[in-house]
All heavy atoms as atom14 arrays in JSON, in Angstrom:
{
  "sequence": "AAEYGLINRVVPAERVYEEAFSQAKQLAAGPPIALKAILDSTIRGEEV",
  "atom14_mask": [
    [1, 1, 1, 1, 1, 0, 0, 0, 0, 0, 0, 0, 0, 0],
    [1, 1, 1, 1, 1, 0, 0, 0, 0, 0, 0, 0, 0, 0],
    [1, 1, 1, 1, 1, 1, 1, 1, 1, 0, 0, 0, 0, 0],
    [1, 1, 1, 1, 1, 1, 1, 1, 1, 1, 1, 1, 0, 0],
    [1, 1, 1, 1, 0, 0, 0, 0, 0, 0, 0, 0, 0, 0],
    [1, 1, 1, 1, 1, 1, 1, 1, 0, 0, 0, 0, 0, 0],
    [1, 1, 1, 1, 1, 1, 1, 1, 0, 0, 0, 0, 0, 0],
    [1, 1, 1, 1, 1, 1, 1, 1, 0, 0, 0, 0, 0, 0],
    [1, 1, 1, 1, 1, 1, 1, 1, 1, 1, 1, 0, 0, 0],
    [1, 1, 1, 1, 1, 1, 1, 0, 0, 0, 0, 0, 0, 0],
    [1, 1, 1, 1, 1, 1, 1, 0, 0, 0, 0, 0, 0, 0],
    [1, 1, 1, 1, 1, 1, 1, 0, 0, 0, 0, 0, 0, 0],
    [1, 1, 1, 1, 1, 0, 0, 0, 0, 0, 0, 0, 0, 0],
    [1, 1, 1, 1, 1, 1, 1, 1, 1, 0, 0, 0, 0, 0],
    [1, 1, 1, 1, 1, 1, 1, 1, 1, 1, 1, 0, 0, 0],
    [1, 1, 1, 1, 1, 1, 1, 0, 0, 0, 0, 0, 0, 0],
    [1, 1, 1, 1, 1, 1, 1, 1, 1, 1, 1, 1, 0, 0],
    [1, 1, 1, 1, 1, 1, 1, 1, 1, 0, 0, 0, 0, 0],
    [1, 1, 1, 1, 1, 1, 1, 1, 1, 0, 0, 0, 0, 0],
    [1, 1, 1, 1, 1, 0, 0, 0, 0, 0, 0, 0, 0, 0],
    [1, 1, 1, 1, 1, 1, 1, 1, 1, 1, 1, 0, 0, 0],
    [1, 1, 1, 1, 1, 1, 0, 0, 0, 0, 0, 0, 0, 0],
    [1, 1, 1, 1, 1, 1, 1, 1, 1, 0, 0, 0, 0, 0],
    [1, 1, 1, 1, 1, 0, 0, 0, 0, 0, 0, 0, 0, 0],
    [1, 1, 1, 1, 1, 1, 1, 1, 1, 0, 0, 0, 0, 0],
    [1, 1, 1, 1, 1, 1, 1, 1, 1, 0, 0, 0, 0, 0],
    [1, 1, 1, 1, 1, 1, 1, 1, 0, 0, 0, 0, 0, 0],
    [1, 1, 1, 1, 1, 0, 0, 0, 0, 0, 0, 0, 0, 0],
    [1, 1, 1, 1, 1, 0, 0, 0, 0, 0, 0, 0, 0, 0],
    [1, 1, 1, 1, 0, 0, 0, 0, 0, 0, 0, 0, 0, 0],
    [1, 1, 1, 1, 1, 1, 1, 0, 0, 0, 0, 0, 0, 0],
    [1, 1, 1, 1, 1, 1, 1, 0, 0, 0, 0, 0, 0, 0],
    [1, 1, 1, 1, 1, 1, 1, 1, 0, 0, 0, 0, 0, 0],
    [1, 1, 1, 1, 1, 0, 0, 0, 0, 0, 0, 0, 0, 0],
    [1, 1, 1, 1, 1, 1, 1, 1, 0, 0, 0, 0, 0, 0],
    [1, 1, 1, 1, 1, 1, 1, 1, 1, 0, 0, 0, 0, 0],
    [1, 1, 1, 1, 1, 0, 0, 0, 0, 0, 0, 0, 0, 0],
    [1, 1, 1, 1, 1, 1, 1, 1, 0, 0, 0, 0, 0, 0],
    [1, 1, 1, 1, 1, 1, 1, 1, 0, 0, 0, 0, 0, 0],
    [1, 1, 1, 1, 1, 1, 1, 1, 0, 0, 0, 0, 0, 0],
    [1, 1, 1, 1, 1, 1, 0, 0, 0, 0, 0, 0, 0, 0],
    [1, 1, 1, 1, 1, 1, 1, 0, 0, 0, 0, 0, 0, 0],
    [1, 1, 1, 1, 1, 1, 1, 1, 0, 0, 0, 0, 0, 0],
    [1, 1, 1, 1, 1, 1, 1, 1, 1, 1, 1, 0, 0, 0],
    [1, 1, 1, 1, 0, 0, 0, 0, 0, 0, 0, 0, 0, 0],
    [1, 1, 1, 1, 1, 1, 1, 1, 1, 0, 0, 0, 0, 0],
    [1, 1, 1, 1, 1, 1, 1, 1, 1, 0, 0, 0, 0, 0],
    [1, 1, 1, 1, 1, 1, 1, 0, 0, 0, 0, 0, 0, 0]
  ],
  "atom14_positions": [
    [[0.84, -1.23, -0.07], [-0.01, -0.02, -0.01], [0.84, 1.31, -0.03], [0.52, 2.23, -0.64], [-0.95, -0.03, 1.26], [0.0, 0.0, 0.0], [0.0, 0.0, 0.0], [0.0, 0.0, 0.0], [0.0, 0.0, 0.0], [0.0, 0.0, 0.0], [0.0, 0.0, 0.0], [0.0, 0.0, 0.0], [0.0, 0.0, 0.0], [0.0, 0.0, 0.0]],
    [[1.98, 1.15, 0.77], [2.94, 2.3, 0.73], [3.63, 2.51, -0.63], [3.76, 3.61, -1.13], [3.92, 2.13, 1.92], [0.0, 0.0, 0.0], [0.0, 0.0, 0.0], [0.0, 0.0, 0.0], [0.0, 0.0, 0.0], [0.0, 0.0, 0.0], [0.0, 0.0, 0.0], [0.0, 0.0, 0.0], [0.0, 0.0, 0.0], [0.0, 0.0, 0.0]],
    [[3.98, 1.43, -1.2], [4.6, 1.43, -2.49], [3.67, 2.02, -3.55], [4.09, 2.79, -4.44], [5.07, 0.04, -2.92], [6.22, -0.53, -2.13], [6.53, -2.05, -2.51], [6.0, -2.45, -3.52], [7.26, -2.6, -1.78], [0.0, 0.0, 0.0], [0.0, 0.0, 0.0], [0.0, 0.0, 0.0], [0.0, 0.0, 0.0], [0.0, 0.0, 0.0]],
    [[2.37, 1.7, -3.45], [1.4, 2.23, -4.39], [1.12, 3.66, -4.19], [0.6, 4.31, -5.05], [0.15, 1.37, -4.37], [0.1, 0.09, -5.06], [1.27, -0.47, -5.62], [-1.04, -0.7, -5.12], [1.24, -1.67, -6.28], [-1.14, -1.95, -5.78], [0.0, -2.37, -6.42], [-0.01, -3.56, -7.06], [0.0, 0.0, 0.0], [0.0, 0.0, 0.0]],
    [[1.34, 4.19, -2.93], [1.0, 5.55, -2.67], [-0.4, 5.59, -1.96], [-0.99, 6.71, -1.85], [0.0, 0.0, 0.0], [0.0, 0.0, 0.0], [0.0, 0.0, 0.0], [0.0, 0.0, 0.0], [0.0, 0.0, 0.0], [0.0, 0.0, 0.0], [0.0, 0.0, 0.0], [0.0, 0.0, 0.0], [0.0, 0.0, 0.0], [0.0, 0.0, 0.0]],
    [[-0.96, 4.47, -1.5], [-2.27, 4.5, -0.84], [-2.1, 5.02, 0.53], [-3.03, 5.52, 1.1], [-2.73, 3.04, -0.85], [-4.11, 2.82, -0.22], [-5.23, 3.73, -0.81], [-4.58, 1.34, -0.3], [0.0, 0.0, 0.0], [0.0, 0.0, 0.0], [0.0, 0.0, 0.0], [0.0, 0.0, 0.0], [0.0, 0.0, 0.0], [0.0, 0.0, 0.0]],
    [[-0.97, 4.77, 1.13], [-0.65, 5.32, 2.5], [0.67, 5.97, 2.45], [1.42, 5.84, 1.48], [-0.73, 4.19, 3.58], [0.41, 3.2, 3.37], [-2.15, 3.58, 3.59], [0.52, 2.14, 4.4], [0.0, 0.0, 0.0], [0.0, 0.0, 0.0], [0.0, 0.0, 0.0], [0.0, 0.0, 0.0], [0.0, 0.0, 0.0], [0.0, 0.0, 0.0]],
    [[0.96, 6.8, 3.52], [2.22, 7.4, 3.62], [3.48, 6.62, 4.0], [4.51, 6.5, 3.3], [2.15, 8.66, 4.53], [1.31, 9.71, 4.05], [0.13, 9.76, 4.39], [1.81, 10.6, 3.22], [0.0, 0.0, 0.0], [0.0, 0.0, 0.0], [0.0, 0.0, 0.0], [0.0, 0.0, 0.0], [0.0, 0.0, 0.0], [0.0, 0.0, 0.0]],
    [[3.25, 5.78, 5.01], [4.47, 4.98, 5.43], [3.93, 3.81, 6.42], [2.87, 3.87, 6.9], [5.51, 5.79, 6.15], [5.09, 6.67, 7.26], [6.06, 7.7, 7.65], [5.66, 8.71, 8.61], [6.01, 8.63, 9.88], [6.65, 7.66, 10.44], [5.5, 9.58, 10.7], [0.0, 0.0, 0.0], [0.0, 0.0, 0.0], [0.0, 0.0, 0.0]],
    [[4.8, 2.89, 6.61], [4.54, 1.79, 7.41], [5.61, 1.73, 8.54], [6.77, 2.03, 8.33], [4.79, 0.46, 6.63], [4.47, -0.71, 7.44], [3.9, 0.45, 5.35], [0.0, 0.0, 0.0], [0.0, 0.0, 0.0], [0.0, 0.0, 0.0], [0.0, 0.0, 0.0], [0.0, 0.0, 0.0], [0.0, 0.0, 0.0], [0.0, 0.0, 0.0]],
    [[5.08, 1.45, 9.74], [5.97, 1.34, 10.92], [5.61, 0.05, 11.72], [4.54, -0.6, 11.54], [5.76, 2.57, 11.87], [6.17, 3.81, 11.17], [4.34, 2.66, 12.39], [0.0, 0.0, 0.0], [0.0, 0.0, 0.0], [0.0, 0.0, 0.0], [0.0, 0.0, 0.0], [0.0, 0.0, 0.0], [0.0, 0.0, 0.0], [0.0, 0.0, 0.0]],
    [[6.48, -0.44, 12.52], [6.2, -1.64, 13.42], [4.81, -1.44, 14.16], [4.56, -0.38, 14.61], [7.38, -1.71, 14.34], [8.51, -1.09, 13.59], [7.9, 0.05, 12.85], [0.0, 0.0, 0.0], [0.0, 0.0, 0.0], [0.0, 0.0, 0.0], [0.0, 0.0, 0.0], [0.0, 0.0, 0.0], [0.0, 0.0, 0.0], [0.0, 0.0, 0.0]],
    [[4.05, -2.52, 14.21], [2.77, -2.39, 14.79], [2.76, -1.79, 16.19], [1.87, -1.03, 16.55], [2.05, -3.76, 14.79], [0.0, 0.0, 0.0], [0.0, 0.0, 0.0], [0.0, 0.0, 0.0], [0.0, 0.0, 0.0], [0.0, 0.0, 0.0], [0.0, 0.0, 0.0], [0.0, 0.0, 0.0], [0.0, 0.0, 0.0], [0.0, 0.0, 0.0]],
    [[3.77, -2.18, 16.94], [3.76, -1.67, 18.37], [4.06, -0.18, 18.49], [3.93, 0.42, 19.53], [4.79, -2.5, 19.22], [6.26, -2.37, 18.76], [6.69, -3.41, 17.75], [5.77, -3.92, 17.11], [7.89, -3.45, 17.52], [0.0, 0.0, 0.0], [0.0, 0.0, 0.0], [0.0, 0.0, 0.0], [0.0, 0.0, 0.0], [0.0, 0.0, 0.0]],
    [[4.46, 0.43, 17.31], [4.74, 1.85, 17.4], [3.9, 2.69, 16.54], [4.14, 3.86, 16.39], [6.24, 2.05, 16.94], [7.34, 1.68, 17.96], [8.71, 1.96, 17.53], [8.82, 3.08, 16.55], [9.52, 3.02, 15.43], [10.12, 1.75, 15.08], [9.62, 4.02, 14.54], [0.0, 0.0, 0.0], [0.0, 0.0, 0.0], [0.0, 0.0, 0.0]],
    [[2.89, 2.07, 15.97], [2.08, 2.87, 14.97], [1.37, 4.08, 15.62], [1.38, 5.11, 15.04], [1.1, 1.91, 14.26], [0.02, 1.36, 15.15], [0.45, 2.6, 13.02], [0.0, 0.0, 0.0], [0.0, 0.0, 0.0], [0.0, 0.0, 0.0], [0.0, 0.0, 0.0], [0.0, 0.0, 0.0], [0.0, 0.0, 0.0], [0.0, 0.0, 0.0]],
    [[0.8, 3.84, 16.74], [0.11, 5.07, 17.39], [1.1, 6.05, 17.87], [0.92, 7.33, 17.61], [-0.79, 4.6, 18.46], [-1.45, 5.79, 19.08], [-2.55, 6.45, 18.45], [-1.03, 6.38, 20.34], [-3.13, 7.57, 18.95], [-1.61, 7.58, 20.82], [-2.6, 8.15, 20.1], [-3.23, 9.27, 20.61], [0.0, 0.0, 0.0], [0.0, 0.0, 0.0]],
    [[2.24, 5.64, 18.33], [3.24, 6.6, 18.81], [3.72, 7.42, 17.61], [3.84, 8.65, 17.72], [4.35, 5.75, 19.4], [5.58, 6.66, 19.78], [6.74, 5.8, 20.2], [6.6, 4.53, 20.5], [7.86, 6.35, 20.32], [0.0, 0.0, 0.0], [0.0, 0.0, 0.0], [0.0, 0.0, 0.0], [0.0, 0.0, 0.0], [0.0, 0.0, 0.0]],
    [[3.94, 6.83, 16.5], [4.33, 7.54, 15.25], [3.28, 8.49, 14.83], [3.57, 9.67, 14.42], [4.72, 6.57, 14.2], [5.94, 5.74, 14.41], [7.23, 6.57, 14.35], [7.27, 7.54, 13.49], [8.16, 6.26, 15.07], [0.0, 0.0, 0.0], [0.0, 0.0, 0.0], [0.0, 0.0, 0.0], [0.0, 0.0, 0.0], [0.0, 0.0, 0.0]],
    [[2.04, 8.04, 14.75], [0.97, 8.92, 14.34], [0.78, 10.07, 15.23], [0.61, 11.18, 14.79], [-0.31, 8.1, 14.3], [0.0, 0.0, 0.0], [0.0, 0.0, 0.0], [0.0, 0.0, 0.0], [0.0, 0.0, 0.0], [0.0, 0.0, 0.0], [0.0, 0.0, 0.0], [0.0, 0.0, 0.0], [0.0, 0.0, 0.0], [0.0, 0.0, 0.0]],
    [[0.93, 9.81, 16.6], [0.68, 10.93, 17.55], [1.87, 11.96, 17.39], [1.71, 13.16, 17.53], [0.67, 10.34, 18.98], [0.4, 11.47, 19.99], [-0.9, 11.9, 20.21], [1.38, 11.97, 20.67], [-1.15, 12.9, 21.11], [1.16, 13.02, 21.67], [-0.09, 13.49, 21.87], [0.0, 0.0, 0.0], [0.0, 0.0, 0.0], [0.0, 0.0, 0.0]],
    [[3.05, 11.4, 17.16], [4.21, 12.32, 16.98], [4.06, 13.31, 15.87], [4.29, 14.45, 15.98], [5.49, 11.53, 16.88], [6.6, 12.39, 16.63], [0.0, 0.0, 0.0], [0.0, 0.0, 0.0], [0.0, 0.0, 0.0], [0.0, 0.0, 0.0], [0.0, 0.0, 0.0], [0.0, 0.0, 0.0], [0.0, 0.0, 0.0], [0.0, 0.0, 0.0]],
    [[3.56, 12.72, 14.73], [3.34, 13.56, 13.62], [2.23, 14.57, 13.8], [2.28, 15.74, 13.44], [3.04, 12.71, 12.32], [2.91, 13.59, 11.11], [3.03, 12.8, 9.82], [2.9, 11.59, 9.75], [3.23, 13.47, 8.78], [0.0, 0.0, 0.0], [0.0, 0.0, 0.0], [0.0, 0.0, 0.0], [0.0, 0.0, 0.0], [0.0, 0.0, 0.0]],
    [[1.15, 14.09, 14.48], [-0.02, 14.81, 14.78], [0.33, 16.07, 15.65], [-0.07, 17.17, 15.46], [-1.13, 14.09, 15.31], [0.0, 0.0, 0.0], [0.0, 0.0, 0.0], [0.0, 0.0, 0.0], [0.0, 0.0, 0.0], [0.0, 0.0, 0.0], [0.0, 0.0, 0.0], [0.0, 0.0, 0.0], [0.0, 0.0, 0.0], [0.0, 0.0, 0.0]],
    [[1.09, 15.77, 16.71], [1.59, 16.79, 17.62], [2.44, 17.86, 16.94], [2.26, 18.99, 17.23], [2.34, 16.04, 18.76], [2.76, 17.05, 19.88], [3.49, 16.27, 21.03], [4.0, 17.26, 22.07], [4.72, 16.51, 23.13], [0.0, 0.0, 0.0], [0.0, 0.0, 0.0], [0.0, 0.0, 0.0], [0.0, 0.0, 0.0], [0.0, 0.0, 0.0]],
    [[3.24, 17.45, 16.07], [4.07, 18.41, 15.32], [3.15, 19.26, 14.4], [3.32, 20.47, 14.33], [5.05, 17.67, 14.38], [5.93, 18.53, 13.56], [6.92, 17.8, 12.71], [6.9, 16.55, 12.7], [7.77, 18.5, 12.04], [0.0, 0.0, 0.0], [0.0, 0.0, 0.0], [0.0, 0.0, 0.0], [0.0, 0.0, 0.0], [0.0, 0.0, 0.0]],
    [[2.17, 18.67, 13.69], [1.29, 19.51, 12.91], [0.48, 20.46, 13.71], [0.22, 21.58, 13.31], [0.42, 18.48, 12.07], [1.11, 17.73, 10.95], [0.13, 16.74, 10.35], [1.6, 18.66, 9.85], [0.0, 0.0, 0.0], [0.0, 0.0, 0.0], [0.0, 0.0, 0.0], [0.0, 0.0, 0.0], [0.0, 0.0, 0.0], [0.0, 0.0, 0.0]],
    [[-0.01, 19.94, 14.87], [-0.92, 20.75, 15.75], [-0.23, 22.0, 16.29], [-0.82, 22.93, 16.66], [-1.43, 19.83, 16.93], [0.0, 0.0, 0.0], [0.0, 0.0, 0.0], [0.0, 0.0, 0.0], [0.0, 0.0, 0.0], [0.0, 0.0, 0.0], [0.0, 0.0, 0.0], [0.0, 0.0, 0.0], [0.0, 0.0, 0.0], [0.0, 0.0, 0.0]],
    [[1.16, 21.9, 16.31], [1.87, 23.03, 16.84], [2.2, 24.07, 15.74], [2.74, 25.13, 15.93], [3.23, 22.62, 17.36], [0.0, 0.0, 0.0], [0.0, 0.0, 0.0], [0.0, 0.0, 0.0], [0.0, 0.0, 0.0], [0.0, 0.0, 0.0], [0.0, 0.0, 0.0], [0.0, 0.0, 0.0], [0.0, 0.0, 0.0], [0.0, 0.0, 0.0]],
    [[1.74, 23.74, 14.52], [2.01, 24.62, 13.38], [0.98, 25.82, 13.31], [0.08, 25.87, 14.07], [0.0, 0.0, 0.0], [0.0, 0.0, 0.0], [0.0, 0.0, 0.0], [0.0, 0.0, 0.0], [0.0, 0.0, 0.0], [0.0, 0.0, 0.0], [0.0, 0.0, 0.0], [0.0, 0.0, 0.0], [0.0, 0.0, 0.0], [0.0, 0.0, 0.0]],
    [[1.13, 26.65, 12.32], [0.2, 27.83, 12.13], [-1.12, 27.32, 11.58], [-1.25, 26.92, 10.46], [0.99, 28.65, 11.12], [1.8, 27.72, 10.33], [2.16, 26.63, 11.26], [0.0, 0.0, 0.0], [0.0, 0.0, 0.0], [0.0, 0.0, 0.0], [0.0, 0.0, 0.0], [0.0, 0.0, 0.0], [0.0, 0.0, 0.0], [0.0, 0.0, 0.0]],
    [[-2.2, 27.43, 12.38], [-3.53, 26.8, 11.92], [-4.01, 27.51, 10.63], [-4.61, 26.71, 9.86], [-4.44, 27.2, 13.13], [-3.46, 27.43, 14.3], [-2.22, 27.99, 13.7], [0.0, 0.0, 0.0], [0.0, 0.0, 0.0], [0.0, 0.0, 0.0], [0.0, 0.0, 0.0], [0.0, 0.0, 0.0], [0.0, 0.0, 0.0], [0.0, 0.0, 0.0]],
    [[-3.87, 28.71, 10.44], [-4.47, 29.34, 9.32], [-3.72, 28.92, 8.0], [-4.37, 28.56, 7.03], [-4.42, 30.92, 9.39], [-5.16, 31.31, 10.61], [-4.89, 31.56, 8.05], [-5.05, 32.85, 10.88], [0.0, 0.0, 0.0], [0.0, 0.0, 0.0], [0.0, 0.0, 0.0], [0.0, 0.0, 0.0], [0.0, 0.0, 0.0], [0.0, 0.0, 0.0]],
    [[-2.36, 28.75, 8.17], [-1.57, 28.28, 6.95], [-1.96, 26.83, 6.71], [-2.06, 26.38, 5.48], [-0.12, 28.45, 7.22], [0.0, 0.0, 0.0], [0.0, 0.0, 0.0], [0.0, 0.0, 0.0], [0.0, 0.0, 0.0], [0.0, 0.0, 0.0], [0.0, 0.0, 0.0], [0.0, 0.0, 0.0], [0.0, 0.0, 0.0], [0.0, 0.0, 0.0]],
    [[-2.0, 26.02, 7.67], [-2.41, 24.6, 7.51], [-3.77, 24.43, 6.82], [-3.94, 23.74, 5.89], [-2.41, 23.85, 8.87], [-1.16, 23.67, 9.54], [-1.32, 23.01, 10.94], [-0.18, 22.88, 8.77], [0.0, 0.0, 0.0], [0.0, 0.0, 0.0], [0.0, 0.0, 0.0], [0.0, 0.0, 0.0], [0.0, 0.0, 0.0], [0.0, 0.0, 0.0]],
    [[-4.68, 25.23, 7.3], [-6.09, 25.22, 6.68], [-6.02, 25.66, 5.14], [-6.63, 25.03, 4.31], [-7.02, 26.19, 7.42], [-8.37, 26.26, 6.79], [-9.17, 27.24, 7.66], [-10.62, 27.42, 7.09], [-11.48, 28.33, 7.83], [0.0, 0.0, 0.0], [0.0, 0.0, 0.0], [0.0, 0.0, 0.0], [0.0, 0.0, 0.0], [0.0, 0.0, 0.0]],
    [[-5.21, 26.63, 4.92], [-5.09, 27.13, 3.54], [-4.4, 26.11, 2.64], [-4.8, 25.95, 1.42], [-4.33, 28.44, 3.51], [0.0, 0.0, 0.0], [0.0, 0.0, 0.0], [0.0, 0.0, 0.0], [0.0, 0.0, 0.0], [0.0, 0.0, 0.0], [0.0, 0.0, 0.0], [0.0, 0.0, 0.0], [0.0, 0.0, 0.0], [0.0, 0.0, 0.0]],
    [[-3.35, 25.39, 3.15], [-2.7, 24.36, 2.36], [-3.68, 23.24, 2.1], [-3.83, 22.76, 0.87], [-1.53, 23.75, 3.1], [-0.37, 24.84, 3.15], [-1.03, 22.48, 2.48], [0.77, 24.48, 4.04], [0.0, 0.0, 0.0], [0.0, 0.0, 0.0], [0.0, 0.0, 0.0], [0.0, 0.0, 0.0], [0.0, 0.0, 0.0], [0.0, 0.0, 0.0]],
    [[-4.51, 22.88, 3.1], [-5.41, 21.69, 2.91], [-6.55, 22.19, 1.77], [-6.87, 21.37, 0.94], [-6.18, 21.36, 4.14], [-5.25, 20.66, 5.19], [-6.04, 20.58, 6.62], [-4.86, 19.24, 4.79], [0.0, 0.0, 0.0], [0.0, 0.0, 0.0], [0.0, 0.0, 0.0], [0.0, 0.0, 0.0], [0.0, 0.0, 0.0], [0.0, 0.0, 0.0]],
    [[-7.02, 23.38, 1.96], [-8.02, 23.9, 1.05], [-7.52, 23.98, -0.38], [-8.14, 23.59, -1.34], [-8.53, 25.26, 1.53], [-9.56, 25.85, 0.63], [-10.69, 25.28, 0.61], [-9.28, 26.82, -0.08], [0.0, 0.0, 0.0], [0.0, 0.0, 0.0], [0.0, 0.0, 0.0], [0.0, 0.0, 0.0], [0.0, 0.0, 0.0], [0.0, 0.0, 0.0]],
    [[-6.28, 24.53, -0.54], [-5.71, 24.74, -1.83], [-5.47, 23.33, -2.53], [-5.75, 23.21, -3.73], [-4.36, 25.47, -1.79], [-4.54, 26.77, -1.26], [0.0, 0.0, 0.0], [0.0, 0.0, 0.0], [0.0, 0.0, 0.0], [0.0, 0.0, 0.0], [0.0, 0.0, 0.0], [0.0, 0.0, 0.0], [0.0, 0.0, 0.0], [0.0, 0.0, 0.0]],
    [[-4.96, 22.43, -1.79], [-4.61, 21.13, -2.34], [-5.87, 20.28, -2.68], [-6.01, 19.8, -3.84], [-3.75, 20.29, -1.39], [-2.6, 21.08, -1.06], [-3.4, 19.08, -1.98], [0.0, 0.0, 0.0], [0.0, 0.0, 0.0], [0.0, 0.0, 0.0], [0.0, 0.0, 0.0], [0.0, 0.0, 0.0], [0.0, 0.0, 0.0], [0.0, 0.0, 0.0]],
    [[-6.77, 20.14, -1.76], [-8.0, 19.36, -1.97], [-8.89, 19.96, -3.1], [-9.33, 19.32, -3.95], [-8.74, 19.12, -0.7], [-7.84, 18.42, 0.37], [-9.99, 18.22, -0.9], [-7.3, 17.17, 0.04], [0.0, 0.0, 0.0], [0.0, 0.0, 0.0], [0.0, 0.0, 0.0], [0.0, 0.0, 0.0], [0.0, 0.0, 0.0], [0.0, 0.0, 0.0]],
    [[-9.16, 21.22, -2.91], [-10.07, 21.88, -3.92], [-9.39, 21.93, -5.28], [-9.97, 21.83, -6.31], [-10.48, 23.29, -3.48], [-11.67, 23.26, -2.5], [-12.42, 24.55, -2.59], [-11.6, 25.7, -2.12], [-11.62, 26.91, -2.69], [-12.47, 27.09, -3.75], [-10.88, 27.92, -2.31], [0.0, 0.0, 0.0], [0.0, 0.0, 0.0], [0.0, 0.0, 0.0]],
    [[-8.0, 22.13, -5.2], [-7.32, 22.28, -6.51], [-7.34, 21.03, -7.25], [-7.23, 21.04, -8.55], [0.0, 0.0, 0.0], [0.0, 0.0, 0.0], [0.0, 0.0, 0.0], [0.0, 0.0, 0.0], [0.0, 0.0, 0.0], [0.0, 0.0, 0.0], [0.0, 0.0, 0.0], [0.0, 0.0, 0.0], [0.0, 0.0, 0.0], [0.0, 0.0, 0.0]],
    [[-7.4, 19.83, -6.68], [-7.43, 18.56, -7.3], [-8.8, 18.44, -8.15], [-8.75, 17.63, -9.08], [-7.37, 17.42, -6.33], [-6.02, 17.13, -5.79], [-5.94, 15.83, -4.99], [-6.99, 15.58, -4.3], [-4.91, 15.14, -5.02], [0.0, 0.0, 0.0], [0.0, 0.0, 0.0], [0.0, 0.0, 0.0], [0.0, 0.0, 0.0], [0.0, 0.0, 0.0]],
    [[-9.77, 19.16, -7.78], [-11.12, 18.97, -8.41], [-11.3, 19.87, -9.61], [-12.38, 19.82, -10.2], [-12.12, 19.19, -7.34], [-12.02, 18.27, -6.16], [-12.98, 18.65, -5.01], [-13.67, 19.68, -5.17], [-13.09, 17.83, -4.02], [0.0, 0.0, 0.0], [0.0, 0.0, 0.0], [0.0, 0.0, 0.0], [0.0, 0.0, 0.0], [0.0, 0.0, 0.0]],
    [[-10.36, 20.76, -9.85], [-10.45, 21.73, -10.97], [-9.26, 21.71, -11.89], [-8.33, 20.98, -11.62], [-10.7, 23.18, -10.39], [-11.95, 23.18, -9.51], [-9.51, 23.6, -9.67], [0.0, 0.0, 0.0], [0.0, 0.0, 0.0], [0.0, 0.0, 0.0], [0.0, 0.0, 0.0], [0.0, 0.0, 0.0], [0.0, 0.0, 0.0], [0.0, 0.0, 0.0]]
  ]
}
């Protein structure tokens, strides 16, 4: 699934939540308005 691009990456099962939380915590510390704008530009941009 990772090779196909269906998911971003694979980690050992015992660390999967730890890895997800680490990335989520890093994103949550970022600038909310810029993050929202990136998501909006990318997702809406794919549709046009």
